[in-house]
Amino acid sequence: MPWIQANGASLRYQLSGSGTNTLVLVHEAGGCIESYDEATPGFEKDFRVLRYDQRGFGFSEKARELTFDGVVADLAGLLDALHIKTPVYLAGCAMGADFSVGFAARYPARVVKLALASPNIDHNGPRSAGSIERGQHAEREGIRAVMDASHERSYPENLRVPDRARFERYQARWVCNTPVSFTAQARMMSTNDLTPDYPKITAPTLVIGAKYDALRPPEKAERVAKALKNSKYVLAETGHFMALQTPRLFVDTLLPFFKG
């Protein structure tokens, strides 16, 4: 997979598929390109699929400090560097949904349709103390020291059972995160409030509530749908990381919306 300079950072990316329109898949906190490995083939007949490692994660450039606007601008810079000028279809899960919201609000003319799985709303401050503490713990003792606590709620046992190997692959990737960037992302999100962004989004949006998401329950996703001008809400039998935990369901839910 190649790297490219975008918005002052070296980003790893992959373009695949044979469609004429571009679909961008934005990974979750601590994720990487491989978060969409099992879902991507389902889109490649209809779309050219762009995946990338966000700044600080995967094999993209690492960072001690991150800003929400900066991470969103990285995607705009990536599209520019790849000479993708036409509006894109955009999808994100969990924190990837947050960055997708930020992009669609700041660059409305660059988004055809938007899909958000387990999105957030309201200010992150009241919920961020635990994430920052976990990040500091990771900096002291390494990522593995916080892995079980992080995944107890985000990847529940009922979603591990159907494919234990899938869960183990996810953990094997996740534990390779850089503690400094992990903590930087937690600090960045602690000051973020997406609420003002939703009225700025003009693209038709699919909002997916995850039945087994203890971090962002489906009631929160319903609130997101109500905050948008042109949205459709669905409840799915999935968890916080829909594309990872139920990749076939992710494709089957998004594809009709994007093609409709």
Protein backbone atom coordinates (compact mmCIF):
# COMPACT_ATOMS: atom_id res chain seq x y z
CA MET A 1 0.00 0.00 0.00
CA PRO A 2 1.41 3.43 -0.92
CA TRP A 3 1.96 6.58 1.12
CA ILE A 4 1.27 10.16 0.06
CA GLN A 5 1.90 13.62 1.52
CA ALA A 6 -1.37 15.30 2.45
CA ASN A 7 -1.96 18.34 4.67
CA GLY A 8 1.58 18.12 6.00
CA ALA A 9 1.45 14.44 6.95
CA SER A 10 2.51 11.17 5.39
CA LEU A 11 -0.65 9.06 5.04
CA ARG A 12 -0.89 5.42 4.01
CA TYR A 13 -3.84 4.74 1.73
CA GLN A 14 -5.36 2.20 -0.62
CA LEU A 15 -7.53 2.71 -3.69
CA SER A 16 -9.33 -0.34 -5.04
CA GLY A 17 -12.44 -1.26 -6.98
CA SER A 18 -13.82 -0.61 -10.42
CA GLY A 19 -16.65 1.87 -9.89
CA THR A 20 -16.71 5.36 -11.34
CA ASN A 21 -17.71 6.98 -8.02
CA THR A 22 -15.42 7.10 -4.99
CA LEU A 23 -16.44 5.73 -1.59
CA VAL A 24 -14.28 6.81 1.35
CA LEU A 25 -14.23 4.56 4.44
CA VAL A 26 -13.08 6.24 7.67
CA HIS A 27 -11.81 3.95 10.43
CA GLU A 28 -12.54 3.98 14.15
CA ALA A 29 -10.32 5.19 17.01
CA GLY A 30 -7.22 3.05 17.12
CA GLY A 31 -8.09 1.52 13.75
CA CYS A 32 -6.40 1.42 10.38
CA ILE A 33 -6.99 0.50 6.73
CA GLU A 34 -7.38 -3.14 7.74
CA SER A 35 -10.48 -2.30 9.79
CA TYR A 36 -12.38 -2.48 6.49
CA ASP A 37 -10.67 -5.55 5.02
CA GLU A 38 -13.75 -7.76 5.17
CA ALA A 39 -16.23 -5.08 4.08
CA THR A 40 -14.31 -3.52 1.19
CA PRO A 41 -14.82 -6.34 -1.37
CA GLY A 42 -18.57 -5.86 -1.09
CA PHE A 43 -18.27 -2.29 -2.39
CA GLU A 44 -15.60 -2.70 -5.07
CA LYS A 45 -17.92 -3.66 -7.93
CA ASP A 46 -19.90 -0.44 -7.59
CA PHE A 47 -17.30 1.99 -6.22
CA ARG A 48 -13.69 2.94 -6.27
CA VAL A 49 -12.96 2.49 -2.55
CA LEU A 50 -10.52 4.75 -0.71
CA ARG A 51 -9.22 3.69 2.68
CA TYR A 52 -6.48 5.41 4.65
CA ASP A 53 -4.74 5.35 8.02
CA GLN A 54 -5.56 8.51 9.93
CA ARG A 55 -2.70 10.64 11.18
CA GLY A 56 -1.34 8.98 14.32
CA PHE A 57 -2.55 5.47 13.50
CA GLY A 58 -1.75 2.43 11.40
CA PHE A 59 1.28 3.20 9.24
CA SER A 60 0.55 6.90 8.81
CA GLU A 61 2.69 9.57 10.43
CA LYS A 62 2.50 9.54 14.22
CA ALA A 63 1.69 12.63 16.29
CA ARG A 64 1.95 13.84 19.88
CA GLU A 65 -0.89 16.31 19.38
CA LEU A 66 -4.00 16.04 17.21
CA THR A 67 -6.82 18.45 16.45
CA PHE A 68 -10.24 17.53 15.14
CA ASP A 69 -10.10 20.14 12.39
CA GLY A 70 -6.64 18.92 11.45
CA VAL A 71 -7.71 15.29 11.12
CA VAL A 72 -10.70 16.34 9.01
CA ALA A 73 -8.45 18.51 6.84
CA ASP A 74 -6.19 15.49 6.33
CA LEU A 75 -8.99 13.81 4.37
CA ALA A 76 -9.53 16.90 2.23
CA GLY A 77 -5.79 17.01 1.60
CA LEU A 78 -5.73 13.31 0.72
CA LEU A 79 -8.50 13.74 -1.84
CA ASP A 80 -6.66 16.71 -3.33
CA ALA A 81 -3.35 14.83 -3.46
CA LEU A 82 -5.08 11.95 -5.26
CA HIS A 83 -6.78 14.40 -7.66
CA ILE A 84 -10.25 13.25 -6.58
CA LYS A 85 -12.26 16.37 -7.41
CA THR A 86 -15.74 14.90 -7.77
CA PRO A 87 -17.92 14.56 -4.65
CA VAL A 88 -17.48 11.31 -2.74
CA TYR A 89 -19.65 8.87 -0.85
CA LEU A 90 -18.49 8.83 2.76
CA ALA A 91 -18.90 6.29 5.56
CA GLY A 92 -17.49 5.94 9.05
CA CYS A 93 -17.99 3.80 12.13
CA ALA A 94 -17.73 4.99 15.75
CA MET A 95 -15.12 7.76 15.86
CA GLY A 96 -14.77 7.35 12.11
CA ALA A 97 -18.38 8.52 11.96
CA ASP A 98 -17.39 11.62 13.96
CA PHE A 99 -14.69 12.55 11.46
CA SER A 100 -17.13 11.88 8.62
CA VAL A 101 -19.58 14.31 10.24
CA GLY A 102 -16.81 16.90 10.53
CA PHE A 103 -15.86 16.50 6.88
CA ALA A 104 -19.44 16.63 5.59
CA ALA A 105 -20.11 19.78 7.65
CA ARG A 106 -16.95 21.57 6.53
CA TYR A 107 -16.94 20.41 2.91
CA PRO A 108 -20.62 19.87 2.03
CA ALA A 109 -20.00 20.20 -1.72
CA ARG A 110 -17.57 17.27 -1.59
CA VAL A 111 -20.06 14.69 -0.24
CA VAL A 112 -22.79 12.97 -2.28
CA LYS A 113 -24.15 10.74 0.47
CA LEU A 114 -23.10 10.03 4.02
CA ALA A 115 -23.40 6.91 6.23
CA LEU A 116 -22.79 7.04 9.98
CA ALA A 117 -22.63 3.93 12.17
CA SER A 118 -22.72 4.66 15.92
CA PRO A 119 -22.22 8.43 15.60
CA ASN A 120 -21.89 10.82 18.52
CA ILE A 121 -23.63 14.04 19.51
CA ASP A 122 -23.20 16.55 22.37
CA HIS A 123 -19.97 17.56 24.06
CA ASN A 124 -17.45 14.82 24.77
CA GLY A 125 -16.10 16.41 27.95
CA PRO A 126 -18.27 14.59 30.53
CA ARG A 127 -17.41 11.21 28.98
CA SER A 128 -13.73 11.78 28.31
CA ALA A 129 -12.07 11.45 31.72
CA GLY A 130 -11.94 7.67 31.47
CA SER A 131 -10.51 7.75 27.94
CA ILE A 132 -7.78 10.20 28.91
CA GLU A 133 -6.93 8.18 32.02
CA ARG A 134 -6.77 5.02 29.91
CA GLY A 135 -4.48 6.78 27.46
CA GLN A 136 -2.15 7.89 30.23
CA HIS A 137 -2.14 4.34 31.56
CA ALA A 138 -1.15 3.15 28.08
CA GLU A 139 1.71 5.66 27.97
CA ARG A 140 3.01 4.36 31.31
CA GLU A 141 2.58 0.63 30.75
CA GLY A 142 1.91 0.08 27.05
CA ILE A 143 -1.20 -0.47 24.95
CA ARG A 144 -1.66 -4.09 26.04
CA ALA A 145 -2.24 -2.92 29.61
CA VAL A 146 -5.48 -1.19 28.61
CA MET A 147 -6.68 -3.54 25.89
CA ASP A 148 -9.12 -5.69 27.90
CA ALA A 149 -10.78 -2.68 29.53
CA SER A 150 -11.10 -0.92 26.18
CA HIS A 151 -12.70 -3.86 24.42
CA GLU A 152 -14.97 -5.08 27.21
CA ARG A 153 -17.67 -2.61 26.14
CA SER A 154 -16.70 -1.90 22.54
CA TYR A 155 -16.46 -5.54 21.41
CA PRO A 156 -18.85 -7.56 23.64
CA GLU A 157 -18.69 -11.31 23.97
CA ASN A 158 -21.84 -11.97 21.92
CA LEU A 159 -20.08 -10.38 18.90
CA ARG A 160 -16.85 -12.31 19.50
CA VAL A 161 -18.48 -15.74 19.57
CA PRO A 162 -19.58 -15.94 15.89
CA ASP A 163 -16.01 -15.38 14.67
CA ARG A 164 -13.36 -15.62 17.38
CA ALA A 165 -10.55 -15.42 14.81
CA ARG A 166 -11.89 -12.07 13.57
CA PHE A 167 -11.80 -10.67 17.11
CA GLU A 168 -8.28 -11.98 17.66
CA ARG A 169 -7.08 -10.38 14.42
CA TYR A 170 -8.60 -7.10 15.55
CA GLN A 171 -6.83 -7.26 18.92
CA ALA A 172 -3.53 -8.20 17.28
CA ARG A 173 -3.73 -5.00 15.21
CA TRP A 174 -5.07 -2.80 17.97
CA VAL A 175 -2.30 -3.63 20.44
CA CYS A 176 0.24 -2.26 17.92
CA ASN A 177 -1.05 1.29 18.38
CA THR A 178 1.37 3.96 19.54
CA PRO A 179 0.52 5.04 23.12
CA VAL A 180 1.35 8.72 22.50
CA SER A 181 -1.03 9.01 19.53
CA PHE A 182 -3.66 7.00 21.40
CA THR A 183 -3.59 9.53 24.23
CA ALA A 184 -3.48 12.48 21.82
CA GLN A 185 -6.70 11.31 20.20
CA ALA A 186 -8.41 11.00 23.60
CA ARG A 187 -7.39 14.57 24.50
CA MET A 188 -8.53 15.84 21.12
CA MET A 189 -11.99 14.32 21.42
CA SER A 190 -12.42 15.52 25.02
CA THR A 191 -12.91 19.09 23.76
CA ASN A 192 -15.08 18.23 20.78
CA ASP A 193 -18.80 18.89 20.34
CA LEU A 194 -20.36 17.74 17.09
CA THR A 195 -23.79 19.21 17.80
CA PRO A 196 -23.24 22.43 15.78
CA ASP A 197 -21.99 20.42 12.79
CA TYR A 198 -25.17 18.49 12.09
CA PRO A 199 -27.26 21.42 10.76
CA LYS A 200 -24.46 22.18 8.27
CA ILE A 201 -24.70 18.78 6.59
CA THR A 202 -26.62 18.84 3.32
CA ALA A 203 -25.95 15.32 1.99
CA PRO A 204 -28.59 12.61 2.38
CA THR A 205 -27.47 10.62 5.40
CA LEU A 206 -27.99 7.07 6.63
CA VAL A 207 -27.71 6.87 10.42
CA ILE A 208 -27.21 3.40 11.91
CA GLY A 209 -27.91 2.62 15.53
CA ALA A 210 -26.12 -0.46 16.86
CA LYS A 211 -28.24 -2.69 19.08
CA TYR A 212 -25.22 -4.00 21.02
CA ASP A 213 -23.30 -0.74 21.36
CA ALA A 214 -22.82 0.06 25.05
CA LEU A 215 -20.61 3.06 24.32
CA ARG A 216 -22.99 4.83 21.95
CA PRO A 217 -26.41 3.22 22.33
CA PRO A 218 -28.91 3.40 19.48
CA GLU A 219 -30.88 6.12 21.23
CA LYS A 220 -27.93 8.43 20.58
CA ALA A 221 -27.92 7.54 16.88
CA GLU A 222 -31.65 8.34 16.75
CA ARG A 223 -30.88 11.79 18.15
CA VAL A 224 -28.29 12.27 15.42
CA ALA A 225 -30.86 11.37 12.76
CA LYS A 226 -33.29 13.91 14.17
CA ALA A 227 -30.59 16.61 14.07
CA LEU A 228 -30.07 16.14 10.31
CA LYS A 229 -32.12 17.73 7.54
CA ASN A 230 -32.24 14.70 5.26
CA SER A 231 -31.67 11.43 7.09
CA LYS A 232 -32.83 7.86 7.37
CA TYR A 233 -32.41 5.91 10.61
CA VAL A 234 -32.03 2.14 10.91
CA LEU A 235 -31.37 -0.14 13.86
CA ALA A 236 -28.86 -2.91 13.14
CA GLU A 237 -27.91 -6.13 14.93
CA THR A 238 -24.33 -5.03 15.42
CA GLY A 239 -21.95 -3.31 17.81
CA HIS A 240 -19.73 -0.26 18.18
CA PHE A 241 -17.48 -1.31 15.29
CA MET A 242 -20.05 -2.32 12.68
CA ALA A 243 -17.67 -2.79 9.74
CA LEU A 244 -15.36 -4.91 11.88
CA GLN A 245 -17.89 -6.94 13.82
CA THR A 246 -20.52 -7.52 11.12
CA PRO A 247 -18.89 -6.67 7.77
CA ARG A 248 -21.51 -8.36 5.58
CA LEU A 249 -24.32 -6.52 7.37
CA PHE A 250 -22.37 -3.27 6.96
CA VAL A 251 -22.22 -3.73 3.19
CA ASP A 252 -25.83 -4.91 2.89
CA THR A 253 -27.04 -1.88 4.87
CA LEU A 254 -24.98 0.79 3.09
CA LEU A 255 -25.00 -0.39 -0.50
CA PRO A 256 -28.75 0.01 -1.21
CA PHE A 257 -28.67 3.49 0.33
CA PHE A 258 -25.66 4.60 -1.68
CA LYS A 259 -27.01 3.14 -4.93
CA GLY A 260 -30.59 4.34 -4.42
